[in-house]
Amino acid sequence: MINIGLVDLDTTHPAFFASLLKGGDNLRVTAVFDGGAVQTPEYVAQFARDHGVARVCASLDELVSSVDGAIVCSQNWDLRLERVRPFLEAGKPVFIDKPMVGSLRDMDALIALAARTRVPIMGGSTMRYADELVALREKVDGLGGAVSAFASGPGDLLNYGTHVVEMTTTYFGPQVEAVTHIGGGRSRLFRLDQRDGPPILLQLSSGRVEAGNGTVFAVTTERTLEVVQPKAGWTMKEAALKALTRFFREGVAPAPLDESLHVVRVCLAAAESIRTGRTIALADIPPGARFDGTAYTRDFARLGAWQGDGLSARSTYIV
């Protein structure tokens, strides 16, 4: 049995992962640590009881020494690097929940840390494991390939936009080279230009995050329009469990780290295009570009968004 530690119980995702791993034969959440950014000690204790977690750790170091690997679920993406570092230094693999980080600086630091420690990292949205995308690709390939694509989802640019961008990069690969904000009124519309693929119309912030208000992915071919509505989370739990099991047992992630981080680059380019009114190449994102994870988490906690009641904080982009 491989013992997994949960870091920060800020969102609904730790409960998802704890329940998911119970459905397998090889992994179990056996310890947790929470930094107190969103939840209370009482919540953490109740979480441990509800999910059969034997140990509530008083420090991150205690958690590192208690488990074989970790799932980091901190809502504040500005803390992800410091949460991940001690596990990698100890040679223990880490899954980083979406969004993996929120800045170019943290991306570069994470890539350097992974290269130095040579410890595997996995992360991002569970949208990557949607069976609907696999079936769609097979069908579209049989119709001669995609002519264009449209992807849409609710919520803010980064925290929830990650799901939508993950759909596109899972389907086409990490091929986005430039992003252009083209308006959208009450939502945000973008054109994504790919290195070797059709143009993508991307709609973010298309409403509140509520049950039933999920994501849409549409692909046109020469003859048809194909539409799917995958939802991140429970609908893809079997594939996600398989990927997590292989990762923690064999150290094999479903995508290279830089490919997983490509999603964040697209979100940063989208925000920069809004700010400047120009097309932004991913290679030209300003070095200091970032989304403010501390501010987002403060609003997230204040609004009770972690309860899944449809409230969503807004991500603030800073250069």
C-alpha atoms as a PDB file:
ATOM      1  CA  MET A   1       0.000   0.000   0.000  1.00  0.00           C
ATOM      2  CA  ILE A   2       1.251   3.478  -0.909  1.00  0.00           C
ATOM      3  CA  ASN A   3       0.516   6.124   1.716  1.00  0.00           C
ATOM      4  CA  ILE A   4      -0.567   9.480   0.298  1.00  0.00           C
ATOM      5  CA  GLY A   5      -0.689  12.778   2.158  1.00  0.00           C
ATOM      6  CA  LEU A   6      -3.151  15.588   1.423  1.00  0.00           C
ATOM      7  CA  VAL A   7      -1.830  19.142   1.679  1.00  0.00           C
ATOM      8  CA  ASP A   8      -4.397  21.874   2.458  1.00  0.00           C
ATOM      9  CA  LEU A   9      -8.089  21.012   2.529  1.00  0.00           C
ATOM     10  CA  ASP A  10      -9.131  24.346   1.018  1.00  0.00           C
ATOM     11  CA  THR A  11     -11.552  23.124  -1.665  1.00  0.00           C
ATOM     12  CA  THR A  12     -13.900  20.221  -2.414  1.00  0.00           C
ATOM     13  CA  HIS A  13     -11.076  18.455  -4.235  1.00  0.00           C
ATOM     14  CA  PRO A  14      -9.403  16.784  -1.200  1.00  0.00           C
ATOM     15  CA  ALA A  15     -12.668  14.928  -0.539  1.00  0.00           C
ATOM     16  CA  PHE A  16     -12.750  13.906  -4.208  1.00  0.00           C
ATOM     17  CA  PHE A  17      -9.203  12.536  -4.077  1.00  0.00           C
ATOM     18  CA  ALA A  18      -9.660  10.802  -0.707  1.00  0.00           C
ATOM     19  CA  SER A  19     -12.796   9.046  -1.956  1.00  0.00           C
ATOM     20  CA  LEU A  20     -11.249   8.300  -5.335  1.00  0.00           C
ATOM     21  CA  LEU A  21      -8.231   6.520  -3.858  1.00  0.00           C
ATOM     22  CA  LYS A  22     -10.488   4.364  -1.675  1.00  0.00           C
ATOM     23  CA  GLY A  23     -11.836   2.880  -4.888  1.00  0.00           C
ATOM     24  CA  GLY A  24      -8.451   1.429  -5.833  1.00  0.00           C
ATOM     25  CA  ASP A  25      -6.209  -1.266  -4.395  1.00  0.00           C
ATOM     26  CA  ASN A  26      -2.873   0.497  -4.174  1.00  0.00           C
ATOM     27  CA  LEU A  27      -3.249   4.016  -2.747  1.00  0.00           C
ATOM     28  CA  ARG A  28      -4.752   5.452   0.418  1.00  0.00           C
ATOM     29  CA  VAL A  29      -4.837   8.906   1.988  1.00  0.00           C
ATOM     30  CA  THR A  30      -3.364   8.228   5.418  1.00  0.00           C
ATOM     31  CA  ALA A  31      -2.378  11.720   6.625  1.00  0.00           C
ATOM     32  CA  VAL A  32      -3.309  15.368   6.085  1.00  0.00           C
ATOM     33  CA  PHE A  33      -1.869  18.789   6.793  1.00  0.00           C
ATOM     34  CA  ASP A  34      -3.856  22.011   6.501  1.00  0.00           C
ATOM     35  CA  GLY A  35      -2.358  25.490   6.643  1.00  0.00           C
ATOM     36  CA  GLY A  36      -5.560  27.192   7.802  1.00  0.00           C
ATOM     37  CA  ALA A  37      -6.025  29.527   4.831  1.00  0.00           C
ATOM     38  CA  VAL A  38      -9.643  28.469   4.312  1.00  0.00           C
ATOM     39  CA  GLN A  39     -10.634  25.750   6.782  1.00  0.00           C
ATOM     40  CA  THR A  40     -10.794  25.565  10.591  1.00  0.00           C
ATOM     41  CA  PRO A  41      -9.103  22.916  12.771  1.00  0.00           C
ATOM     42  CA  GLU A  42     -12.571  21.518  13.487  1.00  0.00           C
ATOM     43  CA  TYR A  43     -13.217  21.056   9.775  1.00  0.00           C
ATOM     44  CA  VAL A  44      -9.874  19.295   9.345  1.00  0.00           C
ATOM     45  CA  ALA A  45     -10.579  16.927  12.239  1.00  0.00           C
ATOM     46  CA  GLN A  46     -14.031  16.118  10.862  1.00  0.00           C
ATOM     47  CA  PHE A  47     -12.577  15.579   7.378  1.00  0.00           C
ATOM     48  CA  ALA A  48     -10.137  13.028   8.809  1.00  0.00           C
ATOM     49  CA  ARG A  49     -12.946  11.192  10.591  1.00  0.00           C
ATOM     50  CA  ASP A  50     -15.228  11.218   7.554  1.00  0.00           C
ATOM     51  CA  HIS A  51     -12.555   9.849   5.225  1.00  0.00           C
ATOM     52  CA  GLY A  52     -10.800   7.453   7.586  1.00  0.00           C
ATOM     53  CA  VAL A  53      -7.540   9.428   7.600  1.00  0.00           C
ATOM     54  CA  ALA A  54      -5.454   8.215  10.513  1.00  0.00           C
ATOM     55  CA  ARG A  55      -3.178  11.206  11.036  1.00  0.00           C
ATOM     56  CA  VAL A  56      -3.662  14.980  11.152  1.00  0.00           C
ATOM     57  CA  CYS A  57      -0.188  16.503  11.015  1.00  0.00           C
ATOM     58  CA  ALA A  58       0.777  19.674  12.864  1.00  0.00           C
ATOM     59  CA  SER A  59       3.351  20.684  10.248  1.00  0.00           C
ATOM     60  CA  LEU A  60       4.248  20.106   6.647  1.00  0.00           C
ATOM     61  CA  ASP A  61       7.517  18.461   7.710  1.00  0.00           C
ATOM     62  CA  GLU A  62       5.571  15.947   9.778  1.00  0.00           C
ATOM     63  CA  LEU A  63       3.442  15.091   6.770  1.00  0.00           C
ATOM     64  CA  VAL A  64       6.481  14.669   4.525  1.00  0.00           C
ATOM     65  CA  SER A  65       7.980  12.146   6.921  1.00  0.00           C
ATOM     66  CA  SER A  66       4.655  10.257   7.245  1.00  0.00           C
ATOM     67  CA  VAL A  67       3.806   9.451   3.610  1.00  0.00           C
ATOM     68  CA  ASP A  68       5.188   8.109   0.341  1.00  0.00           C
ATOM     69  CA  GLY A  69       3.799  10.890  -1.851  1.00  0.00           C
ATOM     70  CA  ALA A  70       1.445  13.861  -1.757  1.00  0.00           C
ATOM     71  CA  ILE A  71      -1.514  15.559  -3.386  1.00  0.00           C
ATOM     72  CA  VAL A  72      -1.301  19.341  -2.981  1.00  0.00           C
ATOM     73  CA  CYS A  73      -4.713  21.044  -3.004  1.00  0.00           C
ATOM     74  CA  SER A  74      -3.866  24.532  -1.734  1.00  0.00           C
ATOM     75  CA  GLN A  75      -6.278  27.057  -3.204  1.00  0.00           C
ATOM     76  CA  ASN A  76      -3.545  29.702  -2.983  1.00  0.00           C
ATOM     77  CA  TRP A  77      -1.384  28.840  -5.973  1.00  0.00           C
ATOM     78  CA  ASP A  78       1.241  31.294  -4.684  1.00  0.00           C
ATOM     79  CA  LEU A  79       2.007  28.706  -1.970  1.00  0.00           C
ATOM     80  CA  ARG A  80       2.277  25.709  -4.276  1.00  0.00           C
ATOM     81  CA  LEU A  81       6.039  25.888  -4.731  1.00  0.00           C
ATOM     82  CA  GLU A  82       6.823  25.943  -1.011  1.00  0.00           C
ATOM     83  CA  ARG A  83       4.296  23.172  -0.377  1.00  0.00           C
ATOM     84  CA  VAL A  84       5.824  20.967  -3.080  1.00  0.00           C
ATOM     85  CA  ARG A  85       9.511  21.589  -2.395  1.00  0.00           C
ATOM     86  CA  PRO A  86       9.983  19.494   0.803  1.00  0.00           C
ATOM     87  CA  PHE A  87       8.410  16.433  -0.805  1.00  0.00           C
ATOM     88  CA  LEU A  88      10.628  16.643  -3.872  1.00  0.00           C
ATOM     89  CA  GLU A  89      13.684  17.240  -1.681  1.00  0.00           C
ATOM     90  CA  ALA A  90      12.752  14.045   0.166  1.00  0.00           C
ATOM     91  CA  GLY A  91      12.400  12.134  -3.125  1.00  0.00           C
ATOM     92  CA  LYS A  92       8.619  11.798  -2.884  1.00  0.00           C
ATOM     93  CA  PRO A  93       6.383  12.349  -5.944  1.00  0.00           C
ATOM     94  CA  VAL A  94       3.708  15.031  -5.906  1.00  0.00           C
ATOM     95  CA  PHE A  95       0.420  15.630  -7.679  1.00  0.00           C
ATOM     96  CA  ILE A  96      -0.393  19.369  -7.840  1.00  0.00           C
ATOM     97  CA  ASP A  97      -4.063  20.205  -8.186  1.00  0.00           C
ATOM     98  CA  LYS A  98      -5.155  22.782 -10.749  1.00  0.00           C
ATOM     99  CA  PRO A  99      -4.043  25.448 -11.380  1.00  0.00           C
ATOM    100  CA  MET A 100      -0.542  24.108 -10.793  1.00  0.00           C
ATOM    101  CA  VAL A 101       0.947  27.597 -10.352  1.00  0.00           C
ATOM    102  CA  GLY A 102      -0.088  31.140 -11.246  1.00  0.00           C
ATOM    103  CA  SER A 103       3.028  32.867 -12.573  1.00  0.00           C
ATOM    104  CA  LEU A 104       5.893  32.496 -15.020  1.00  0.00           C
ATOM    105  CA  ARG A 105       8.352  32.813 -12.152  1.00  0.00           C
ATOM    106  CA  ASP A 106       6.843  29.858 -10.280  1.00  0.00           C
ATOM    107  CA  MET A 107       6.682  27.829 -13.499  1.00  0.00           C
ATOM    108  CA  ASP A 108      10.384  28.284 -14.091  1.00  0.00           C
ATOM    109  CA  ALA A 109      11.185  27.506 -10.450  1.00  0.00           C
ATOM    110  CA  LEU A 110       9.053  24.347 -10.501  1.00  0.00           C
ATOM    111  CA  ILE A 111      10.696  23.094 -13.689  1.00  0.00           C
ATOM    112  CA  ALA A 112      14.150  23.766 -12.214  1.00  0.00           C
ATOM    113  CA  LEU A 113      13.245  22.031  -8.942  1.00  0.00           C
ATOM    114  CA  ALA A 114      11.945  18.965 -10.777  1.00  0.00           C
ATOM    115  CA  ALA A 115      15.102  18.822 -12.908  1.00  0.00           C
ATOM    116  CA  ARG A 116      17.381  19.140  -9.891  1.00  0.00           C
ATOM    117  CA  THR A 117      15.623  16.575  -7.673  1.00  0.00           C
ATOM    118  CA  ARG A 118      14.623  14.259 -10.542  1.00  0.00           C
ATOM    119  CA  VAL A 119      11.387  13.486  -8.706  1.00  0.00           C
ATOM    120  CA  PRO A 120       8.237  13.160 -10.845  1.00  0.00           C
ATOM    121  CA  ILE A 121       5.448  15.748 -10.755  1.00  0.00           C
ATOM    122  CA  MET A 122       1.919  15.339 -12.054  1.00  0.00           C
ATOM    123  CA  GLY A 123      -0.857  17.877 -12.027  1.00  0.00           C
ATOM    124  CA  GLY A 124      -3.576  19.973 -13.565  1.00  0.00           C
ATOM    125  CA  SER A 125      -7.279  19.511 -14.230  1.00  0.00           C
ATOM    126  CA  THR A 126      -8.980  16.120 -14.184  1.00  0.00           C
ATOM    127  CA  MET A 127     -10.491  17.235 -17.501  1.00  0.00           C
ATOM    128  CA  ARG A 128      -7.446  15.546 -19.037  1.00  0.00           C
ATOM    129  CA  TYR A 129      -9.013  12.161 -18.283  1.00  0.00           C
ATOM    130  CA  ALA A 130     -12.425  12.788 -19.875  1.00  0.00           C
ATOM    131  CA  ASP A 131     -13.518   9.754 -21.893  1.00  0.00           C
ATOM    132  CA  GLU A 132     -15.609  12.103 -24.029  1.00  0.00           C
ATOM    133  CA  LEU A 133     -12.457  13.727 -25.428  1.00  0.00           C
ATOM    134  CA  VAL A 134     -10.911  10.384 -26.345  1.00  0.00           C
ATOM    135  CA  ALA A 135     -14.081   9.266 -28.130  1.00  0.00           C
ATOM    136  CA  LEU A 136     -14.400  12.649 -29.857  1.00  0.00           C
ATOM    137  CA  ARG A 137     -10.840  12.534 -31.199  1.00  0.00           C
ATOM    138  CA  GLU A 138     -11.369   9.052 -32.638  1.00  0.00           C
ATOM    139  CA  LYS A 139     -14.614  10.124 -34.312  1.00  0.00           C
ATOM    140  CA  VAL A 140     -13.184  13.366 -35.716  1.00  0.00           C
ATOM    141  CA  ASP A 141     -10.070  11.599 -37.021  1.00  0.00           C
ATOM    142  CA  GLY A 142     -12.386   9.254 -38.883  1.00  0.00           C
ATOM    143  CA  LEU A 143     -14.102  12.261 -40.476  1.00  0.00           C
ATOM    144  CA  GLY A 144     -10.882  13.734 -41.788  1.00  0.00           C
ATOM    145  CA  GLY A 145      -9.763  15.811 -38.816  1.00  0.00           C
ATOM    146  CA  ALA A 146     -10.727  19.106 -37.200  1.00  0.00           C
ATOM    147  CA  VAL A 147     -11.309  22.287 -39.211  1.00  0.00           C
ATOM    148  CA  SER A 148     -11.942  24.480 -36.156  1.00  0.00           C
ATOM    149  CA  ALA A 149     -12.824  24.149 -32.471  1.00  0.00           C
ATOM    150  CA  PHE A 150     -14.759  25.927 -29.728  1.00  0.00           C
ATOM    151  CA  ALA A 151     -14.308  25.498 -25.972  1.00  0.00           C
ATOM    152  CA  SER A 152     -16.301  27.191 -23.220  1.00  0.00           C
ATOM    153  CA  GLY A 153     -16.703  27.124 -19.441  1.00  0.00           C
ATOM    154  CA  PRO A 154     -17.767  29.232 -16.447  1.00  0.00           C
ATOM    155  CA  GLY A 155     -15.755  30.966 -13.745  1.00  0.00           C
ATOM    156  CA  ASP A 156     -12.605  33.065 -13.710  1.00  0.00           C
ATOM    157  CA  LEU A 157      -9.672  33.063 -16.132  1.00  0.00           C
ATOM    158  CA  LEU A 158      -7.282  30.845 -14.168  1.00  0.00           C
ATOM    159  CA  ASN A 159      -8.853  28.766 -11.408  1.00  0.00           C
ATOM    160  CA  TYR A 160     -11.793  27.583 -13.524  1.00  0.00           C
ATOM    161  CA  GLY A 161     -10.452  28.597 -16.924  1.00  0.00           C
ATOM    162  CA  THR A 162      -7.831  25.914 -16.394  1.00  0.00           C
ATOM    163  CA  HIS A 163     -10.492  23.247 -17.004  1.00  0.00           C
ATOM    164  CA  VAL A 164     -11.429  24.720 -20.364  1.00  0.00           C
ATOM    165  CA  VAL A 165      -7.855  25.200 -21.555  1.00  0.00           C
ATOM    166  CA  GLU A 166      -6.994  21.673 -20.377  1.00  0.00           C
ATOM    167  CA  MET A 167      -9.672  20.340 -22.733  1.00  0.00           C
ATOM    168  CA  THR A 168      -8.040  22.028 -25.712  1.00  0.00           C
ATOM    169  CA  THR A 169      -4.474  20.997 -24.869  1.00  0.00           C
ATOM    170  CA  THR A 170      -5.546  17.421 -24.109  1.00  0.00           C
ATOM    171  CA  TYR A 171      -7.276  17.211 -27.465  1.00  0.00           C
ATOM    172  CA  PHE A 172      -4.745  19.027 -29.671  1.00  0.00           C
ATOM    173  CA  GLY A 173      -1.593  18.841 -27.551  1.00  0.00           C
ATOM    174  CA  PRO A 174       0.386  21.817 -26.190  1.00  0.00           C
ATOM    175  CA  GLN A 175       0.374  23.677 -29.510  1.00  0.00           C
ATOM    176  CA  VAL A 176      -0.984  27.137 -28.653  1.00  0.00           C
ATOM    177  CA  GLU A 177       1.462  29.811 -29.799  1.00  0.00           C
ATOM    178  CA  ALA A 178      -0.555  33.015 -29.368  1.00  0.00           C
ATOM    179  CA  VAL A 179      -3.752  34.291 -27.744  1.00  0.00           C
ATOM    180  CA  THR A 180      -5.949  37.205 -28.845  1.00  0.00           C
ATOM    181  CA  HIS A 181      -8.779  38.663 -26.754  1.00  0.00           C
ATOM    182  CA  ILE A 182     -11.615  39.478 -29.155  1.00  0.00           C
ATOM    183  CA  GLY A 183     -14.292  40.739 -26.738  1.00  0.00           C
ATOM    184  CA  GLY A 184     -17.279  38.849 -25.487  1.00  0.00           C
ATOM    185  CA  GLY A 185     -19.507  41.188 -23.483  1.00  0.00           C
ATOM    186  CA  ARG A 186     -20.418  39.390 -20.252  1.00  0.00           C
ATOM    187  CA  SER A 187     -17.902  36.637 -20.976  1.00  0.00           C
ATOM    188  CA  ARG A 188     -14.412  36.627 -22.484  1.00  0.00           C
ATOM    189  CA  LEU A 189     -13.739  35.420 -26.010  1.00  0.00           C
ATOM    190  CA  PHE A 190     -10.270  34.553 -27.298  1.00  0.00           C
ATOM    191  CA  ARG A 191      -8.732  33.194 -30.483  1.00  0.00           C
ATOM    192  CA  LEU A 192      -6.024  30.611 -29.897  1.00  0.00           C
ATOM    193  CA  ASP A 193      -3.522  30.211 -32.728  1.00  0.00           C
ATOM    194  CA  GLN A 194      -1.811  26.831 -32.812  1.00  0.00           C
ATOM    195  CA  ARG A 195       1.521  25.733 -34.221  1.00  0.00           C
ATOM    196  CA  ASP A 196       0.050  22.770 -36.071  1.00  0.00           C
ATOM    197  CA  GLY A 197      -3.695  22.754 -35.714  1.00  0.00           C
ATOM    198  CA  PRO A 198      -6.876  24.666 -36.499  1.00  0.00           C
ATOM    199  CA  PRO A 199      -7.845  27.926 -34.776  1.00  0.00           C
ATOM    200  CA  ILE A 200      -9.719  27.613 -31.494  1.00  0.00           C
ATOM    201  CA  LEU A 201     -12.396  29.993 -30.216  1.00  0.00           C
ATOM    202  CA  LEU A 202     -12.126  29.990 -26.438  1.00  0.00           C
ATOM    203  CA  GLN A 203     -14.858  31.363 -24.176  1.00  0.00           C
ATOM    204  CA  LEU A 204     -13.996  31.885 -20.504  1.00  0.00           C
ATOM    205  CA  SER A 205     -16.075  33.333 -17.661  1.00  0.00           C
ATOM    206  CA  SER A 206     -19.275  32.184 -19.363  1.00  0.00           C
ATOM    207  CA  GLY A 207     -21.331  32.368 -16.167  1.00  0.00           C
ATOM    208  CA  ARG A 208     -21.390  31.228 -12.547  1.00  0.00           C
ATOM    209  CA  VAL A 209     -19.872  27.949 -11.460  1.00  0.00           C
ATOM    210  CA  GLU A 210     -22.963  25.879 -10.712  1.00  0.00           C
ATOM    211  CA  ALA A 211     -24.177  22.316 -11.139  1.00  0.00           C
ATOM    212  CA  GLY A 212     -25.150  21.812 -14.748  1.00  0.00           C
ATOM    213  CA  ASN A 213     -23.245  24.878 -15.930  1.00  0.00           C
ATOM    214  CA  GLY A 214     -20.301  22.890 -17.158  1.00  0.00           C
ATOM    215  CA  THR A 215     -17.862  22.953 -20.023  1.00  0.00           C
ATOM    216  CA  VAL A 216     -18.489  22.518 -23.746  1.00  0.00           C
ATOM    217  CA  PHE A 217     -16.079  21.384 -26.442  1.00  0.00           C
ATOM    218  CA  ALA A 218     -17.077  21.474 -30.101  1.00  0.00           C
ATOM    219  CA  VAL A 219     -15.106  20.486 -33.183  1.00  0.00           C
ATOM    220  CA  THR A 220     -16.078  21.115 -36.799  1.00  0.00           C
ATOM    221  CA  THR A 221     -15.002  18.816 -39.613  1.00  0.00           C
ATOM    222  CA  GLU A 222     -15.592  19.118 -43.356  1.00  0.00           C
ATOM    223  CA  ARG A 223     -18.958  17.405 -42.892  1.00  0.00           C
ATOM    224  CA  THR A 224     -20.123  17.655 -39.273  1.00  0.00           C
ATOM    225  CA  LEU A 225     -20.197  19.558 -36.003  1.00  0.00           C
ATOM    226  CA  GLU A 226     -19.336  17.349 -33.030  1.00  0.00           C
ATOM    227  CA  VAL A 227     -20.126  18.541 -29.470  1.00  0.00           C
ATOM    228  CA  VAL A 228     -19.327  17.055 -26.053  1.00  0.00           C
ATOM    229  CA  GLN A 229     -19.851  18.350 -22.507  1.00  0.00           C
ATOM    230  CA  PRO A 230     -17.282  16.718 -20.223  1.00  0.00           C
ATOM    231  CA  LYS A 231     -17.367  17.748 -16.562  1.00  0.00           C
ATOM    232  CA  ALA A 232     -14.202  17.738 -14.465  1.00  0.00           C
ATOM    233  CA  GLY A 233     -14.366  15.419 -11.468  1.00  0.00           C
ATOM    234  CA  TRP A 234     -16.504  12.360 -10.850  1.00  0.00           C
ATOM    235  CA  THR A 235     -17.397  11.587 -14.465  1.00  0.00           C
ATOM    236  CA  MET A 236     -13.779  10.739 -15.214  1.00  0.00           C
ATOM    237  CA  LYS A 237     -12.797   9.134 -11.918  1.00  0.00           C
ATOM    238  CA  GLU A 238     -11.864   5.719 -13.346  1.00  0.00           C
ATOM    239  CA  ALA A 239      -9.307   7.165 -15.763  1.00  0.00           C
ATOM    240  CA  ALA A 240      -8.029   9.588 -13.114  1.00  0.00           C
ATOM    241  CA  LEU A 241      -7.537   6.759 -10.605  1.00  0.00           C
ATOM    242  CA  LYS A 242      -5.638   4.728 -13.184  1.00  0.00           C
ATOM    243  CA  ALA A 243      -3.366   7.694 -13.956  1.00  0.00           C
ATOM    244  CA  LEU A 244      -2.731   8.495 -10.279  1.00  0.00           C
ATOM    245  CA  THR A 245      -2.000   4.848  -9.469  1.00  0.00           C
ATOM    246  CA  ARG A 246       0.555   4.570 -12.252  1.00  0.00           C
ATOM    247  CA  PHE A 247       2.108   7.878 -11.233  1.00  0.00           C
ATOM    248  CA  PHE A 248       2.600   7.034  -7.571  1.00  0.00           C
ATOM    249  CA  ARG A 249       3.628   3.416  -8.254  1.00  0.00           C
ATOM    250  CA  GLU A 250       5.866   3.891 -11.283  1.00  0.00           C
ATOM    251  CA  GLY A 251       6.640   7.620 -11.333  1.00  0.00           C
ATOM    252  CA  VAL A 252       5.074   8.003 -14.783  1.00  0.00           C
ATOM    253  CA  ALA A 253       2.933  11.123 -15.317  1.00  0.00           C
ATOM    254  CA  PRO A 254       0.363  11.228 -18.142  1.00  0.00           C
ATOM    255  CA  ALA A 255       2.044  14.349 -19.544  1.00  0.00           C
ATOM    256  CA  PRO A 256       5.472  15.979 -19.217  1.00  0.00           C
ATOM    257  CA  LEU A 257       5.653  18.816 -16.688  1.00  0.00           C
ATOM    258  CA  ASP A 258       6.137  21.508 -19.319  1.00  0.00           C
ATOM    259  CA  GLU A 259       3.067  20.275 -21.194  1.00  0.00           C
ATOM    260  CA  SER A 260       0.974  20.459 -18.020  1.00  0.00           C
ATOM    261  CA  LEU A 261       2.232  23.995 -17.392  1.00  0.00           C
ATOM    262  CA  HIS A 262       1.330  24.994 -20.960  1.00  0.00           C
ATOM    263  CA  VAL A 263      -2.228  25.455 -19.654  1.00  0.00           C
ATOM    264  CA  VAL A 264      -1.068  28.169 -17.249  1.00  0.00           C
ATOM    265  CA  ARG A 265       0.883  29.902 -20.016  1.00  0.00           C
ATOM    266  CA  VAL A 266      -2.274  30.112 -22.122  1.00  0.00           C
ATOM    267  CA  CYS A 267      -4.225  31.628 -19.214  1.00  0.00           C
ATOM    268  CA  LEU A 268      -1.457  34.190 -18.592  1.00  0.00           C
ATOM    269  CA  ALA A 269      -1.370  35.120 -22.286  1.00  0.00           C
ATOM    270  CA  ALA A 270      -5.163  35.517 -22.262  1.00  0.00           C
ATOM    271  CA  ALA A 271      -4.988  37.939 -19.328  1.00  0.00           C
ATOM    272  CA  GLU A 272      -2.143  39.873 -20.946  1.00  0.00           C
ATOM    273  CA  SER A 273      -4.147  40.176 -24.163  1.00  0.00           C
ATOM    274  CA  ILE A 274      -7.048  41.662 -22.201  1.00  0.00           C
ATOM    275  CA  ARG A 275      -4.672  44.120 -20.545  1.00  0.00           C
ATOM    276  CA  THR A 276      -2.936  45.273 -23.722  1.00  0.00           C
ATOM    277  CA  GLY A 277      -5.551  44.747 -26.416  1.00  0.00           C
ATOM    278  CA  ARG A 278      -2.930  42.924 -28.501  1.00  0.00           C
ATOM    279  CA  THR A 279      -2.239  39.403 -29.659  1.00  0.00           C
ATOM    280  CA  ILE A 280       0.155  37.850 -27.145  1.00  0.00           C
ATOM    281  CA  ALA A 281       2.598  35.138 -28.140  1.00  0.00           C
ATOM    282  CA  LEU A 282       3.229  32.707 -25.310  1.00  0.00           C
ATOM    283  CA  ALA A 283       6.939  33.418 -25.748  1.00  0.00           C
ATOM    284  CA  ASP A 284       6.313  37.132 -25.080  1.00  0.00           C
ATOM    285  CA  ILE A 285       4.416  36.998 -21.781  1.00  0.00           C
ATOM    286  CA  PRO A 286       6.064  39.551 -19.417  1.00  0.00           C
ATOM    287  CA  PRO A 287       8.450  37.893 -16.917  1.00  0.00           C
ATOM    288  CA  GLY A 288       6.544  39.268 -13.911  1.00  0.00           C
ATOM    289  CA  ALA A 289       3.106  38.194 -15.142  1.00  0.00           C
ATOM    290  CA  ARG A 290       1.020  36.460 -12.500  1.00  0.00           C
ATOM    291  CA  PHE A 291      -2.406  35.849 -11.060  1.00  0.00           C
ATOM    292  CA  ASP A 292      -2.722  36.853  -7.398  1.00  0.00           C
ATOM    293  CA  GLY A 293      -3.336  33.618  -5.521  1.00  0.00           C
ATOM    294  CA  THR A 294      -3.390  35.228  -2.083  1.00  0.00           C
ATOM    295  CA  ALA A 295      -6.163  37.665  -3.032  1.00  0.00           C
ATOM    296  CA  TYR A 296      -8.130  34.922  -4.772  1.00  0.00           C
ATOM    297  CA  THR A 297      -7.946  32.636  -1.741  1.00  0.00           C
ATOM    298  CA  ARG A 298      -9.038  35.427   0.601  1.00  0.00           C
ATOM    299  CA  ASP A 299     -12.156  35.992  -1.518  1.00  0.00           C
ATOM    300  CA  PHE A 300     -12.655  32.260  -1.977  1.00  0.00           C
ATOM    301  CA  ALA A 301     -12.761  31.749   1.799  1.00  0.00           C
ATOM    302  CA  ARG A 302     -14.927  34.829   2.435  1.00  0.00           C
ATOM    303  CA  LEU A 303     -17.509  33.787  -0.175  1.00  0.00           C
ATOM    304  CA  GLY A 304     -17.624  30.189   1.005  1.00  0.00           C
ATOM    305  CA  ALA A 305     -16.812  29.042  -2.520  1.00  0.00           C
ATOM    306  CA  TRP A 306     -15.209  25.864  -1.178  1.00  0.00           C
ATOM    307  CA  GLN A 307     -18.702  24.639  -0.253  1.00  0.00           C
ATOM    308  CA  GLY A 308     -19.553  24.343  -3.934  1.00  0.00           C
ATOM    309  CA  ASP A 309     -22.516  26.719  -3.713  1.00  0.00           C
ATOM    310  CA  GLY A 310     -21.896  28.422  -7.043  1.00  0.00           C
ATOM    311  CA  LEU A 311     -19.947  31.397  -5.719  1.00  0.00           C
ATOM    312  CA  SER A 312     -16.630  32.097  -7.386  1.00  0.00           C
ATOM    313  CA  ALA A 313     -13.860  34.505  -6.562  1.00  0.00           C
ATOM    314  CA  ARG A 314     -12.246  36.377  -9.471  1.00  0.00           C
ATOM    315  CA  SER A 315      -8.595  35.932 -10.327  1.00  0.00           C
ATOM    316  CA  THR A 316      -6.604  39.176 -10.417  1.00  0.00           C
ATOM    317  CA  TYR A 317      -3.887  39.424 -13.066  1.00  0.00           C
ATOM    318  CA  ILE A 318      -0.768  41.472 -12.240  1.00  0.00           C
ATOM    319  CA  VAL A 319       2.276  42.458 -14.288  1.00  0.00           C
END
